[in-house]
PDB file of N, CA and C in Angstrom:
ATOM      1  N   MET A   1      60.620  14.243 201.497  1.00  0.00           N
ATOM      2  CA  MET A   1      61.857  13.203 201.315  1.00  0.00           C
ATOM      3  C   MET A   1      61.576  11.983 202.316  1.00  0.00           C
ATOM      4  N   SER A   2      61.874  10.848 201.776  1.00  0.00           N
ATOM      5  CA  SER A   2      61.531   9.839 202.736  1.00  0.00           C
ATOM      6  C   SER A   2      62.923   8.991 202.872  1.00  0.00           C
ATOM      7  N   GLN A   3      62.878   8.346 204.115  1.00  0.00           N
ATOM      8  CA  GLN A   3      64.078   7.430 204.378  1.00  0.00           C
ATOM      9  C   GLN A   3      63.511   6.193 205.014  1.00  0.00           C
ATOM     10  N   THR A   4      63.518   5.277 204.022  1.00  0.00           N
ATOM     11  CA  THR A   4      62.959   3.838 204.442  1.00  0.00           C
ATOM     12  C   THR A   4      63.893   2.850 204.847  1.00  0.00           C
ATOM     13  N   SER A   5      65.060   2.850 204.375  1.00  0.00           N
ATOM     14  CA  SER A   5      66.076   1.939 204.741  1.00  0.00           C
ATOM     15  C   SER A   5      67.282   2.579 205.450  1.00  0.00           C
ATOM     16  N   LYS A   6      68.409   2.232 204.759  1.00  0.00           N
ATOM     17  CA  LYS A   6      69.622   2.987 205.409  1.00  0.00           C
ATOM     18  C   LYS A   6      69.890   4.438 204.833  1.00  0.00           C
ATOM     19  N   THR A   7      70.245   5.209 205.870  1.00  0.00           N
ATOM     20  CA  THR A   7      70.432   6.599 205.327  1.00  0.00           C
ATOM     21  C   THR A   7      71.824   6.626 204.667  1.00  0.00           C
ATOM     22  N   PRO A   8      71.766   7.285 203.446  1.00  0.00           N
ATOM     23  CA  PRO A   8      73.035   7.619 202.884  1.00  0.00           C
ATOM     24  C   PRO A   8      73.989   8.248 203.756  1.00  0.00           C
ATOM     25  N   SER A   9      75.362   7.915 203.335  1.00  0.00           N
ATOM     26  CA  SER A   9      76.278   8.436 204.337  1.00  0.00           C
ATOM     27  C   SER A   9      76.474   9.916 204.302  1.00  0.00           C
ATOM     28  N   ALA A  10      75.856  10.514 203.102  1.00  0.00           N
ATOM     29  CA  ALA A  10      76.040  12.090 203.039  1.00  0.00           C
ATOM     30  C   ALA A  10      75.061  12.755 203.960  1.00  0.00           C
ATOM     31  N   TYR A  11      74.130  12.045 204.406  1.00  0.00           N
ATOM     32  CA  TYR A  11      73.069  12.599 205.397  1.00  0.00           C
ATOM     33  C   TYR A  11      73.417  12.078 206.714  1.00  0.00           C
ATOM     34  N   PRO A  12      73.724  13.003 207.775  1.00  0.00           N
ATOM     35  CA  PRO A  12      73.928  12.394 209.100  1.00  0.00           C
ATOM     36  C   PRO A  12      72.706  12.130 209.804  1.00  0.00           C
ATOM     37  N   THR A  13      72.737  10.982 210.535  1.00  0.00           N
ATOM     38  CA  THR A  13      71.756  10.678 211.448  1.00  0.00           C
ATOM     39  C   THR A  13      71.865  11.138 212.846  1.00  0.00           C
ATOM     40  N   THR A  14      70.778  11.716 213.627  1.00  0.00           N
ATOM     41  CA  THR A  14      70.934  11.991 214.911  1.00  0.00           C
ATOM     42  C   THR A  14      71.437  10.903 215.706  1.00  0.00           C
ATOM     43  N   PRO A  15      72.040  11.295 217.009  1.00  0.00           N
ATOM     44  CA  PRO A  15      72.717  10.246 217.869  1.00  0.00           C
ATOM     45  C   PRO A  15      71.573   9.299 218.330  1.00  0.00           C
ATOM     46  N   ASP A  16      70.385   9.548 218.387  1.00  0.00           N
ATOM     47  CA  ASP A  16      69.344   8.663 218.873  1.00  0.00           C
ATOM     48  C   ASP A  16      68.595   8.038 217.698  1.00  0.00           C
ATOM     49  N   GLY A  17      69.060   8.125 216.474  1.00  0.00           N
ATOM     50  CA  GLY A  17      68.739   7.375 215.382  1.00  0.00           C
ATOM     51  C   GLY A  17      67.156   7.598 215.006  1.00  0.00           C
ATOM     52  N   ARG A  18      66.837   8.686 215.376  1.00  0.00           N
ATOM     53  CA  ARG A  18      65.359   9.229 214.919  1.00  0.00           C
ATOM     54  C   ARG A  18      65.106   9.907 213.720  1.00  0.00           C
ATOM     55  N   TYR A  19      66.429  10.658 213.429  1.00  0.00           N
ATOM     56  CA  TYR A  19      66.272  11.528 212.092  1.00  0.00           C
ATOM     57  C   TYR A  19      67.503  11.382 211.341  1.00  0.00           C
ATOM     58  N   PHE A  20      67.377  11.827 209.968  1.00  0.00           N
ATOM     59  CA  PHE A  20      68.570  12.206 209.354  1.00  0.00           C
ATOM     60  C   PHE A  20      68.406  13.744 208.871  1.00  0.00           C
ATOM     61  N   VAL A  21      69.493  14.166 208.337  1.00  0.00           N
ATOM     62  CA  VAL A  21      69.573  15.930 208.358  1.00  0.00           C
ATOM     63  C   VAL A  21      69.843  16.071 206.861  1.00  0.00           C
ATOM     64  N   VAL A  22      68.976  16.740 206.029  1.00  0.00           N
ATOM     65  CA  VAL A  22      69.303  17.307 204.841  1.00  0.00           C
ATOM     66  C   VAL A  22      69.039  18.707 204.678  1.00  0.00           C
ATOM     67  N   LYS A  23      70.033  19.532 204.192  1.00  0.00           N
ATOM     68  CA  LYS A  23      70.007  20.941 204.122  1.00  0.00           C
ATOM     69  C   LYS A  23      69.468  21.603 205.311  1.00  0.00           C
ATOM     70  N   GLY A  24      70.027  20.975 206.439  1.00  0.00           N
ATOM     71  CA  GLY A  24      69.708  21.573 207.822  1.00  0.00           C
ATOM     72  C   GLY A  24      68.351  21.439 208.386  1.00  0.00           C
ATOM     73  N   ARG A  25      67.521  20.383 207.728  1.00  0.00           N
ATOM     74  CA  ARG A  25      66.169  20.188 208.038  1.00  0.00           C
ATOM     75  C   ARG A  25      66.277  18.684 208.446  1.00  0.00           C
ATOM     76  N   LEU A  26      65.564  18.249 209.602  1.00  0.00           N
ATOM     77  CA  LEU A  26      65.448  16.965 210.172  1.00  0.00           C
ATOM     78  C   LEU A  26      64.256  16.243 209.504  1.00  0.00           C
ATOM     79  N   TRP A  27      64.527  15.004 209.063  1.00  0.00           N
ATOM     80  CA  TRP A  27      63.612  13.982 208.543  1.00  0.00           C
ATOM     81  C   TRP A  27      63.445  12.677 209.188  1.00  0.00           C
ATOM     82  N   ARG A  28      62.302  12.401 209.611  1.00  0.00           N
ATOM     83  CA  ARG A  28      62.188  11.165 210.645  1.00  0.00           C
ATOM     84  C   ARG A  28      62.598   9.807 209.708  1.00  0.00           C
ATOM     85  N   LEU A  29      63.384   9.087 210.329  1.00  0.00           N
ATOM     86  CA  LEU A  29      63.781   7.620 209.924  1.00  0.00           C
ATOM     87  C   LEU A  29      62.420   6.788 210.131  1.00  0.00           C
ATOM     88  N   SER A  30      62.476   5.730 209.553  1.00  0.00           N
ATOM     89  CA  SER A  30      61.608   4.750 209.531  1.00  0.00           C
ATOM     90  C   SER A  30      61.786   3.937 210.939  1.00  0.00           C
ATOM     91  N   ASN A  31      60.624   3.353 211.574  1.00  0.00           N
ATOM     92  CA  ASN A  31      60.781   2.696 212.768  1.00  0.00           C
ATOM     93  C   ASN A  31      61.878   1.419 212.599  1.00  0.00           C
ATOM     94  N   PRO A  32      62.773   1.408 213.283  1.00  0.00           N
ATOM     95  CA  PRO A  32      64.032   0.253 213.100  1.00  0.00           C
ATOM     96  C   PRO A  32      63.506  -0.898 213.766  1.00  0.00           C
ATOM     97  N   GLY A  33      62.273  -0.927 214.478  1.00  0.00           N
ATOM     98  CA  GLY A  33      61.787  -2.071 215.206  1.00  0.00           C
ATOM     99  C   GLY A  33      60.683  -2.880 214.125  1.00  0.00           C
ATOM    100  N   LEU A  34      60.469  -2.394 213.147  1.00  0.00           N
ATOM    101  CA  LEU A  34      59.612  -3.110 212.119  1.00  0.00           C
ATOM    102  C   LEU A  34      60.102  -4.401 211.731  1.00  0.00           C
ATOM    103  N   ASP A  35      59.228  -5.506 211.624  1.00  0.00           N
ATOM    104  CA  ASP A  35      59.523  -6.704 211.017  1.00  0.00           C
ATOM    105  C   ASP A  35      60.269  -6.539 209.665  1.00  0.00           C
ATOM    106  N   PRO A  36      61.277  -6.949 209.189  1.00  0.00           N
ATOM    107  CA  PRO A  36      61.858  -6.815 207.997  1.00  0.00           C
ATOM    108  C   PRO A  36      60.895  -7.175 206.750  1.00  0.00           C
ATOM    109  N   HIS A  37      60.074  -8.090 206.793  1.00  0.00           N
ATOM    110  CA  HIS A  37      58.989  -8.461 205.839  1.00  0.00           C
ATOM    111  C   HIS A  37      58.079  -7.279 205.766  1.00  0.00           C
ATOM    112  N   VAL A  38      57.426  -6.930 206.933  1.00  0.00           N
ATOM    113  CA  VAL A  38      56.820  -5.747 206.678  1.00  0.00           C
ATOM    114  C   VAL A  38      57.237  -4.401 206.273  1.00  0.00           C
ATOM    115  N   ARG A  39      58.578  -4.106 206.588  1.00  0.00           N
ATOM    116  CA  ARG A  39      59.144  -2.961 206.083  1.00  0.00           C
ATOM    117  C   ARG A  39      59.356  -3.119 204.497  1.00  0.00           C
ATOM    118  N   GLU A  40      59.694  -4.350 204.121  1.00  0.00           N
ATOM    119  CA  GLU A  40      59.793  -4.505 202.750  1.00  0.00           C
ATOM    120  C   GLU A  40      58.417  -4.436 201.935  1.00  0.00           C
ATOM    121  N   SER A  41      57.508  -4.857 202.546  1.00  0.00           N
ATOM    122  CA  SER A  41      56.156  -4.398 201.795  1.00  0.00           C
ATOM    123  C   SER A  41      55.846  -3.026 201.899  1.00  0.00           C
ATOM    124  N   LEU A  42      55.877  -2.310 203.046  1.00  0.00           N
ATOM    125  CA  LEU A  42      55.589  -1.064 203.137  1.00  0.00           C
ATOM    126  C   LEU A  42      56.483  -0.105 202.068  1.00  0.00           C
ATOM    127  N   VAL A  43      57.855  -0.564 201.970  1.00  0.00           N
ATOM    128  CA  VAL A  43      58.664   0.276 201.089  1.00  0.00           C
ATOM    129  C   VAL A  43      58.203   0.109 199.574  1.00  0.00           C
ATOM    130  N   LYS A  44      57.850  -1.097 199.336  1.00  0.00           N
ATOM    131  CA  LYS A  44      57.327  -1.400 197.952  1.00  0.00           C
ATOM    132  C   LYS A  44      55.893  -0.616 197.754  1.00  0.00           C
ATOM    133  N   ALA A  45      55.045  -0.712 198.623  1.00  0.00           N
ATOM    134  CA  ALA A  45      53.878   0.202 198.476  1.00  0.00           C
ATOM    135  C   ALA A  45      54.171   1.550 198.406  1.00  0.00           C
ATOM    136  N   LEU A  46      55.206   2.212 199.121  1.00  0.00           N
ATOM    137  CA  LEU A  46      55.598   3.464 199.104  1.00  0.00           C
ATOM    138  C   LEU A  46      56.171   3.869 197.677  1.00  0.00           C
ATOM    139  N   MET A  47      56.942   3.122 197.396  1.00  0.00           N
ATOM    140  CA  MET A  47      57.482   3.364 195.792  1.00  0.00           C
ATOM    141  C   MET A  47      56.339   3.188 194.723  1.00  0.00           C
ATOM    142  N   ASP A  48      55.442   2.361 194.841  1.00  0.00           N
ATOM    143  CA  ASP A  48      54.438   2.089 193.961  1.00  0.00           C
ATOM    144  C   ASP A  48      53.628   3.353 193.798  1.00  0.00           C
ATOM    145  N   ALA A  49      53.369   3.799 195.047  1.00  0.00           N
ATOM    146  CA  ALA A  49      52.276   4.913 195.211  1.00  0.00           C
ATOM    147  C   ALA A  49      53.043   6.237 194.744  1.00  0.00           C
ATOM    148  N   ARG A  50      54.432   6.334 194.873  1.00  0.00           N
ATOM    149  CA  ARG A  50      55.094   7.638 194.343  1.00  0.00           C
ATOM    150  C   ARG A  50      55.166   7.395 192.833  1.00  0.00           C
ATOM    151  N   ARG A  51      55.345   6.419 192.115  1.00  0.00           N
ATOM    152  CA  ARG A  51      55.125   6.200 190.860  1.00  0.00           C
ATOM    153  C   ARG A  51      53.716   6.597 190.180  1.00  0.00           C
ATOM    154  N   GLU A  52      52.799   6.157 190.893  1.00  0.00           N
ATOM    155  CA  GLU A  52      51.534   6.614 190.652  1.00  0.00           C
ATOM    156  C   GLU A  52      51.215   8.035 190.712  1.00  0.00           C
ATOM    157  N   VAL A  53      51.723   8.783 191.683  1.00  0.00           N
ATOM    158  CA  VAL A  53      51.638  10.233 191.864  1.00  0.00           C
ATOM    159  C   VAL A  53      52.437  10.732 190.648  1.00  0.00           C
ATOM    160  N   GLY A  54      53.307  10.324 190.201  1.00  0.00           N
ATOM    161  CA  GLY A  54      54.112  10.849 189.094  1.00  0.00           C
ATOM    162  C   GLY A  54      53.328  10.507 187.782  1.00  0.00           C
ATOM    163  N   ALA A  55      52.727   9.399 187.443  1.00  0.00           N
ATOM    164  CA  ALA A  55      51.946   9.140 186.463  1.00  0.00           C
ATOM    165  C   ALA A  55      50.757   9.917 186.282  1.00  0.00           C
ATOM    166  N   ALA A  56      50.062  10.077 187.365  1.00  0.00           N
ATOM    167  CA  ALA A  56      48.766  10.855 187.711  1.00  0.00           C
ATOM    168  C   ALA A  56      49.053  12.357 187.082  1.00  0.00           C
ATOM    169  N   GLY A  57      50.193  12.734 187.616  1.00  0.00           N
ATOM    170  CA  GLY A  57      50.606  14.168 187.328  1.00  0.00           C
ATOM    171  C   GLY A  57      50.833  14.398 185.839  1.00  0.00           C
ATOM    172  N   ARG A  58      51.523  13.563 185.289  1.00  0.00           N
ATOM    173  CA  ARG A  58      51.829  13.452 183.837  1.00  0.00           C
ATOM    174  C   ARG A  58      50.472  13.503 182.946  1.00  0.00           C
ATOM    175  N   HIS A  59      49.519  12.927 183.549  1.00  0.00           N
ATOM    176  CA  HIS A  59      48.180  12.915 182.876  1.00  0.00           C
ATOM    177  C   HIS A  59      47.009  13.777 183.393  1.00  0.00           C
ATOM    178  N   ASP A  60      47.608  14.754 184.070  1.00  0.00           N
ATOM    179  CA  ASP A  60      46.562  15.770 184.634  1.00  0.00           C
ATOM    180  C   ASP A  60      45.405  15.164 185.329  1.00  0.00           C
ATOM    181  N   ASP A  61      45.771  14.019 186.065  1.00  0.00           N
ATOM    182  CA  ASP A  61      44.694  13.305 186.599  1.00  0.00           C
ATOM    183  C   ASP A  61      44.757  13.788 188.058  1.00  0.00           C
ATOM    184  N   GLU A  62      43.981  14.805 188.577  1.00  0.00           N
ATOM    185  CA  GLU A  62      44.002  15.321 189.893  1.00  0.00           C
ATOM    186  C   GLU A  62      43.411  14.349 190.893  1.00  0.00           C
ATOM    187  N   GLU A  63      42.294  13.559 190.632  1.00  0.00           N
ATOM    188  CA  GLU A  63      41.744  12.589 191.496  1.00  0.00           C
ATOM    189  C   GLU A  63      42.806  11.527 191.635  1.00  0.00           C
ATOM    190  N   GLY A  64      43.379  11.021 190.643  1.00  0.00           N
ATOM    191  CA  GLY A  64      44.355   9.931 190.700  1.00  0.00           C
ATOM    192  C   GLY A  64      45.556  10.497 191.548  1.00  0.00           C
ATOM    193  N   LYS A  65      45.964  11.575 191.381  1.00  0.00           N
ATOM    194  CA  LYS A  65      47.080  12.061 192.184  1.00  0.00           C
ATOM    195  C   LYS A  65      46.784  12.169 193.650  1.00  0.00           C
ATOM    196  N   ALA A  66      45.612  12.541 193.916  1.00  0.00           N
ATOM    197  CA  ALA A  66      45.100  12.769 195.332  1.00  0.00           C
ATOM    198  C   ALA A  66      45.028  11.360 195.914  1.00  0.00           C
ATOM    199  N   LEU A  67      44.477  10.265 195.306  1.00  0.00           N
ATOM    200  CA  LEU A  67      44.385   8.883 195.618  1.00  0.00           C
ATOM    201  C   LEU A  67      45.847   8.334 196.043  1.00  0.00           C
ATOM    202  N   ALA A  68      46.720   8.583 195.063  1.00  0.00           N
ATOM    203  CA  ALA A  68      48.145   8.057 195.033  1.00  0.00           C
ATOM    204  C   ALA A  68      48.856   8.717 196.418  1.00  0.00           C
ATOM    205  N   ARG A  69      48.675   9.988 196.454  1.00  0.00           N
ATOM    206  CA  ARG A  69      49.192  10.635 197.637  1.00  0.00           C
ATOM    207  C   ARG A  69      48.729  10.142 198.899  1.00  0.00           C
ATOM    208  N   SER A  70      47.483   9.726 199.006  1.00  0.00           N
ATOM    209  CA  SER A  70      46.983   9.170 200.351  1.00  0.00           C
ATOM    210  C   SER A  70      47.595   7.797 200.462  1.00  0.00           C
ATOM    211  N   ARG A  71      47.935   6.968 199.413  1.00  0.00           N
ATOM    212  CA  ARG A  71      48.642   5.840 199.525  1.00  0.00           C
ATOM    213  C   ARG A  71      50.169   6.050 200.086  1.00  0.00           C
ATOM    214  N   VAL A  72      50.779   7.130 199.478  1.00  0.00           N
ATOM    215  CA  VAL A  72      52.152   7.535 199.979  1.00  0.00           C
ATOM    216  C   VAL A  72      51.844   7.729 201.651  1.00  0.00           C
ATOM    217  N   ASP A  73      51.148   8.522 201.880  1.00  0.00           N
ATOM    218  CA  ASP A  73      50.740   8.835 203.242  1.00  0.00           C
ATOM    219  C   ASP A  73      50.715   7.684 204.203  1.00  0.00           C
ATOM    220  N   GLU A  74      49.794   6.783 203.710  1.00  0.00           N
ATOM    221  CA  GLU A  74      49.558   5.327 204.389  1.00  0.00           C
ATOM    222  C   GLU A  74      50.748   4.645 204.715  1.00  0.00           C
ATOM    223  N   ALA A  75      51.603   4.632 203.642  1.00  0.00           N
ATOM    224  CA  ALA A  75      52.704   3.791 203.621  1.00  0.00           C
ATOM    225  C   ALA A  75      53.681   4.436 204.543  1.00  0.00           C
ATOM    226  N   LYS A  76      53.889   5.592 204.498  1.00  0.00           N
ATOM    227  CA  LYS A  76      54.797   6.480 205.310  1.00  0.00           C
ATOM    228  C   LYS A  76      54.286   6.380 206.882  1.00  0.00           C
ATOM    229  N   ARG A  77      53.178   6.415 207.140  1.00  0.00           N
ATOM    230  CA  ARG A  77      52.641   6.231 208.558  1.00  0.00           C
ATOM    231  C   ARG A  77      52.962   4.786 209.007  1.00  0.00           C
ATOM    232  N   GLY A  78      52.806   3.746 208.167  1.00  0.00           N
ATOM    233  CA  GLY A  78      53.169   2.412 208.394  1.00  0.00           C
ATOM    234  C   GLY A  78      54.696   2.263 208.790  1.00  0.00           C
ATOM    235  N   LEU A  79      55.395   2.962 208.093  1.00  0.00           N
ATOM    236  CA  LEU A  79      56.693   2.995 208.236  1.00  0.00           C
ATOM    237  C   LEU A  79      57.289   3.681 209.464  1.00  0.00           C
ATOM    238  N   GLY A  80      56.451   4.541 209.912  1.00  0.00           N
ATOM    239  CA  GLY A  80      56.775   5.384 211.157  1.00  0.00           C
ATOM    240  C   GLY A  80      57.402   6.667 210.898  1.00  0.00           C
ATOM    241  N   GLU A  81      57.341   6.986 209.523  1.00  0.00           N
ATOM    242  CA  GLU A  81      57.960   8.435 209.070  1.00  0.00           C
ATOM    243  C   GLU A  81      57.003   9.433 209.295  1.00  0.00           C
ATOM    244  N   ARG A  82      55.730   9.266 209.630  1.00  0.00           N
ATOM    245  CA  ARG A  82      54.694  10.151 209.905  1.00  0.00           C
ATOM    246  C   ARG A  82      54.173   9.871 211.291  1.00  0.00           C
ATOM    247  N   VAL A  83      53.365  10.906 211.708  1.00  0.00           N
ATOM    248  CA  VAL A  83      52.692  10.517 213.110  1.00  0.00           C
ATOM    249  C   VAL A  83      51.892   9.235 213.111  1.00  0.00           C
ATOM    250  N   PRO A  84      51.893   8.643 214.038  1.00  0.00           N
ATOM    251  CA  PRO A  84      52.356   8.816 215.401  1.00  0.00           C
ATOM    252  C   PRO A  84      53.741   8.401 215.362  1.00  0.00           C
ATOM    253  N   VAL A  85      54.571   8.994 216.395  1.00  0.00           N
ATOM    254  CA  VAL A  85      55.988   8.639 216.469  1.00  0.00           C
ATOM    255  C   VAL A  85      56.251   7.194 216.885  1.00  0.00           C
ATOM    256  N   TRP A  86      57.337   6.618 216.489  1.00  0.00           N
ATOM    257  CA  TRP A  86      57.545   5.227 216.790  1.00  0.00           C
ATOM    258  C   TRP A  86      58.360   4.866 218.133  1.00  0.00           C
ATOM    259  N   TRP A  87      58.814   5.891 218.770  1.00  0.00           N
ATOM    260  CA  TRP A  87      59.427   5.949 220.048  1.00  0.00           C
ATOM    261  C   TRP A  87      58.492   6.044 221.217  1.00  0.00           C
ATOM    262  N   SER A  88      59.057   5.491 222.310  1.00  0.00           N
ATOM    263  CA  SER A  88      57.877   5.516 223.407  1.00  0.00           C
ATOM    264  C   SER A  88      58.489   6.161 224.599  1.00  0.00           C
ATOM    265  N   ASP A  89      59.525   7.109 224.576  1.00  0.00           N
ATOM    266  CA  ASP A  89      59.907   7.728 225.724  1.00  0.00           C
ATOM    267  C   ASP A  89      59.341   9.286 225.925  1.00  0.00           C
ATOM    268  N   GLY A  90      58.418   9.432 225.163  1.00  0.00           N
ATOM    269  CA  GLY A  90      57.668  10.817 225.327  1.00  0.00           C
ATOM    270  C   GLY A  90      58.460  11.891 224.742  1.00  0.00           C
ATOM    271  N   ALA A  91      59.409  11.666 224.060  1.00  0.00           N
ATOM    272  CA  ALA A  91      60.209  12.878 223.432  1.00  0.00           C
ATOM    273  C   ALA A  91      59.346  13.398 222.184  1.00  0.00           C
ATOM    274  N   PRO A  92      59.320  14.782 222.137  1.00  0.00           N
ATOM    275  CA  PRO A  92      58.421  15.314 220.925  1.00  0.00           C
ATOM    276  C   PRO A  92      59.080  14.988 219.554  1.00  0.00           C
ATOM    277  N   ASP A  93      58.394  15.151 218.610  1.00  0.00           N
ATOM    278  CA  ASP A  93      58.687  15.046 217.200  1.00  0.00           C
ATOM    279  C   ASP A  93      59.076  16.337 216.456  1.00  0.00           C
ATOM    280  N   PHE A  94      60.337  16.139 215.916  1.00  0.00           N
ATOM    281  CA  PHE A  94      60.802  17.401 215.368  1.00  0.00           C
ATOM    282  C   PHE A  94      60.982  17.255 213.930  1.00  0.00           C
ATOM    283  N   ASN A  95      60.078  16.224 213.340  1.00  0.00           N
ATOM    284  CA  ASN A  95      60.174  15.989 212.013  1.00  0.00           C
ATOM    285  C   ASN A  95      60.122  17.294 211.181  1.00  0.00           C
ATOM    286  N   ARG A  96      60.623  17.392 210.003  1.00  0.00           N
ATOM    287  CA  ARG A  96      60.569  18.486 208.965  1.00  0.00           C
ATOM    288  C   ARG A  96      60.882  19.865 209.632  1.00  0.00           C
ATOM    289  N   ARG A  97      61.582  19.932 210.797  1.00  0.00           N
ATOM    290  CA  ARG A  97      62.050  21.167 211.557  1.00  0.00           C
ATOM    291  C   ARG A  97      63.458  21.432 211.093  1.00  0.00           C
ATOM    292  N   LEU A  98      63.841  22.913 211.141  1.00  0.00           N
ATOM    293  CA  LEU A  98      65.252  23.156 211.061  1.00  0.00           C
ATOM    294  C   LEU A  98      66.024  22.666 212.221  1.00  0.00           C
ATOM    295  N   VAL A  99      67.026  21.975 212.017  1.00  0.00           N
ATOM    296  CA  VAL A  99      67.752  21.386 213.184  1.00  0.00           C
ATOM    297  C   VAL A  99      68.217  22.435 214.104  1.00  0.00           C
ATOM    298  N   LYS A 100      68.654  23.521 213.524  1.00  0.00           N
ATOM    299  CA  LYS A 100      68.993  24.821 214.588  1.00  0.00           C
ATOM    300  C   LYS A 100      67.949  25.216 215.441  1.00  0.00           C
ATOM    301  N   ASN A 101      66.718  24.832 215.275  1.00  0.00           N
ATOM    302  CA  ASN A 101      65.792  25.137 216.091  1.00  0.00           C
ATOM    303  C   ASN A 101      65.222  24.095 217.249  1.00  0.00           C
ATOM    304  N   THR A 102      66.113  23.030 217.136  1.00  0.00           N
ATOM    305  CA  THR A 102      65.654  21.913 218.066  1.00  0.00           C
ATOM    306  C   THR A 102      66.721  21.402 218.924  1.00  0.00           C
ATOM    307  N   PRO A 103      66.573  20.568 219.739  1.00  0.00           N
ATOM    308  CA  PRO A 103      67.450  20.220 220.797  1.00  0.00           C
ATOM    309  C   PRO A 103      68.761  19.640 220.053  1.00  0.00           C
ATOM    310  N   TYR A 104      68.686  19.298 218.880  1.00  0.00           N
ATOM    311  CA  TYR A 104      69.775  18.776 218.158  1.00  0.00           C
ATOM    312  C   TYR A 104      70.808  19.696 217.518  1.00  0.00           C
ATOM    313  N   ALA A 105      70.433  20.924 217.835  1.00  0.00           N
ATOM    314  CA  ALA A 105      71.287  22.140 217.211  1.00  0.00           C
ATOM    315  C   ALA A 105      72.823  22.011 217.571  1.00  0.00           C
ATOM    316  N   GLN A 106      72.993  21.846 218.834  1.00  0.00           N
ATOM    317  CA  GLN A 106      74.554  21.809 219.274  1.00  0.00           C
ATOM    318  C   GLN A 106      75.225  20.656 218.547  1.00  0.00           C
ATOM    319  N   TRP A 107      74.508  19.396 218.537  1.00  0.00           N
ATOM    320  CA  TRP A 107      75.144  18.151 217.856  1.00  0.00           C
ATOM    321  C   TRP A 107      75.476  18.499 216.284  1.00  0.00           C
ATOM    322  N   PHE A 108      74.492  19.115 215.722  1.00  0.00           N
ATOM    323  CA  PHE A 108      74.547  19.542 214.299  1.00  0.00           C
ATOM    324  C   PHE A 108      75.665  20.458 214.050  1.00  0.00           C
ATOM    325  N   GLU A 109      75.754  21.498 214.981  1.00  0.00           N
ATOM    326  CA  GLU A 109      76.832  22.519 214.799  1.00  0.00           C
ATOM    327  C   GLU A 109      78.151  21.800 214.853  1.00  0.00           C
ATOM    328  N   ALA A 110      78.316  20.787 215.909  1.00  0.00           N
ATOM    329  CA  ALA A 110      79.674  20.339 215.970  1.00  0.00           C
ATOM    330  C   ALA A 110      80.035  19.442 214.684  1.00  0.00           C
ATOM    331  N   LEU A 111      79.001  18.848 214.044  1.00  0.00           N
ATOM    332  CA  LEU A 111      79.199  18.254 212.736  1.00  0.00           C
ATOM    333  C   LEU A 111      79.633  19.138 211.783  1.00  0.00           C
ATOM    334  N   SER A 112      78.979  20.387 211.560  1.00  0.00           N
ATOM    335  CA  SER A 112      79.314  21.301 210.833  1.00  0.00           C
ATOM    336  C   SER A 112      80.793  21.794 210.973  1.00  0.00           C
ATOM    337  N   GLN A 113      81.279  21.937 212.010  1.00  0.00           N
ATOM    338  CA  GLN A 113      82.587  22.273 212.425  1.00  0.00           C
ATOM    339  C   GLN A 113      83.546  21.082 211.993  1.00  0.00           C
ATOM    340  N   THR A 114      83.277  19.913 211.787  1.00  0.00           N
ATOM    341  CA  THR A 114      84.204  18.776 211.324  1.00  0.00           C
ATOM    342  C   THR A 114      83.975  18.638 209.825  1.00  0.00           C
ATOM    343  N   GLY A 115      82.954  19.379 209.156  1.00  0.00           N
ATOM    344  CA  GLY A 115      82.670  19.008 207.975  1.00  0.00           C
ATOM    345  C   GLY A 115      81.910  17.735 207.650  1.00  0.00           C
ATOM    346  N   GLU A 116      81.264  17.333 208.710  1.00  0.00           N
ATOM    347  CA  GLU A 116      80.255  16.268 208.541  1.00  0.00           C
ATOM    348  C   GLU A 116      78.836  16.231 208.309  1.00  0.00           C
ATOM    349  N   ALA A 117      78.555  17.397 208.235  1.00  0.00           N
ATOM    350  CA  ALA A 117      77.105  17.921 208.200  1.00  0.00           C
ATOM    351  C   ALA A 117      76.735  17.790 206.764  1.00  0.00           C
ATOM    352  N   SER A 118      75.349  17.586 206.416  1.00  0.00           N
ATOM    353  CA  SER A 118      75.029  17.438 205.013  1.00  0.00           C
ATOM    354  C   SER A 118      75.190  18.550 204.229  1.00  0.00           C
ATOM    355  N   PRO A 119      75.049  18.301 202.862  1.00  0.00           N
ATOM    356  CA  PRO A 119      75.335  19.542 202.035  1.00  0.00           C
ATOM    357  C   PRO A 119      74.152  20.542 202.003  1.00  0.00           C
TER     358      PRO A 119
END
């Protein structure tokens, strides 16, 4: 799952703005410091590449699918959704980890108690 612009309100964002949570799992948000034009270009490239993955899959084109997946990866890296991390304070990356196994566990548990946690 990718998050390239605004996080839907159904998915809570960690207090530091680095992740959003879906089904108890953290997903890294894109770099908020990207130039808006760069972000727009990368999001377009990501969406195009995802469509290419789907088209290649429908045509049983494994080589095309692999190429399209590499384009997805390239766009996600550009957006900061994949390594390296976009923050500079030395904090580790918890992307794709269960929130309950991270330092965000207490925050997420508090959300769960108020009904604000993701479905």
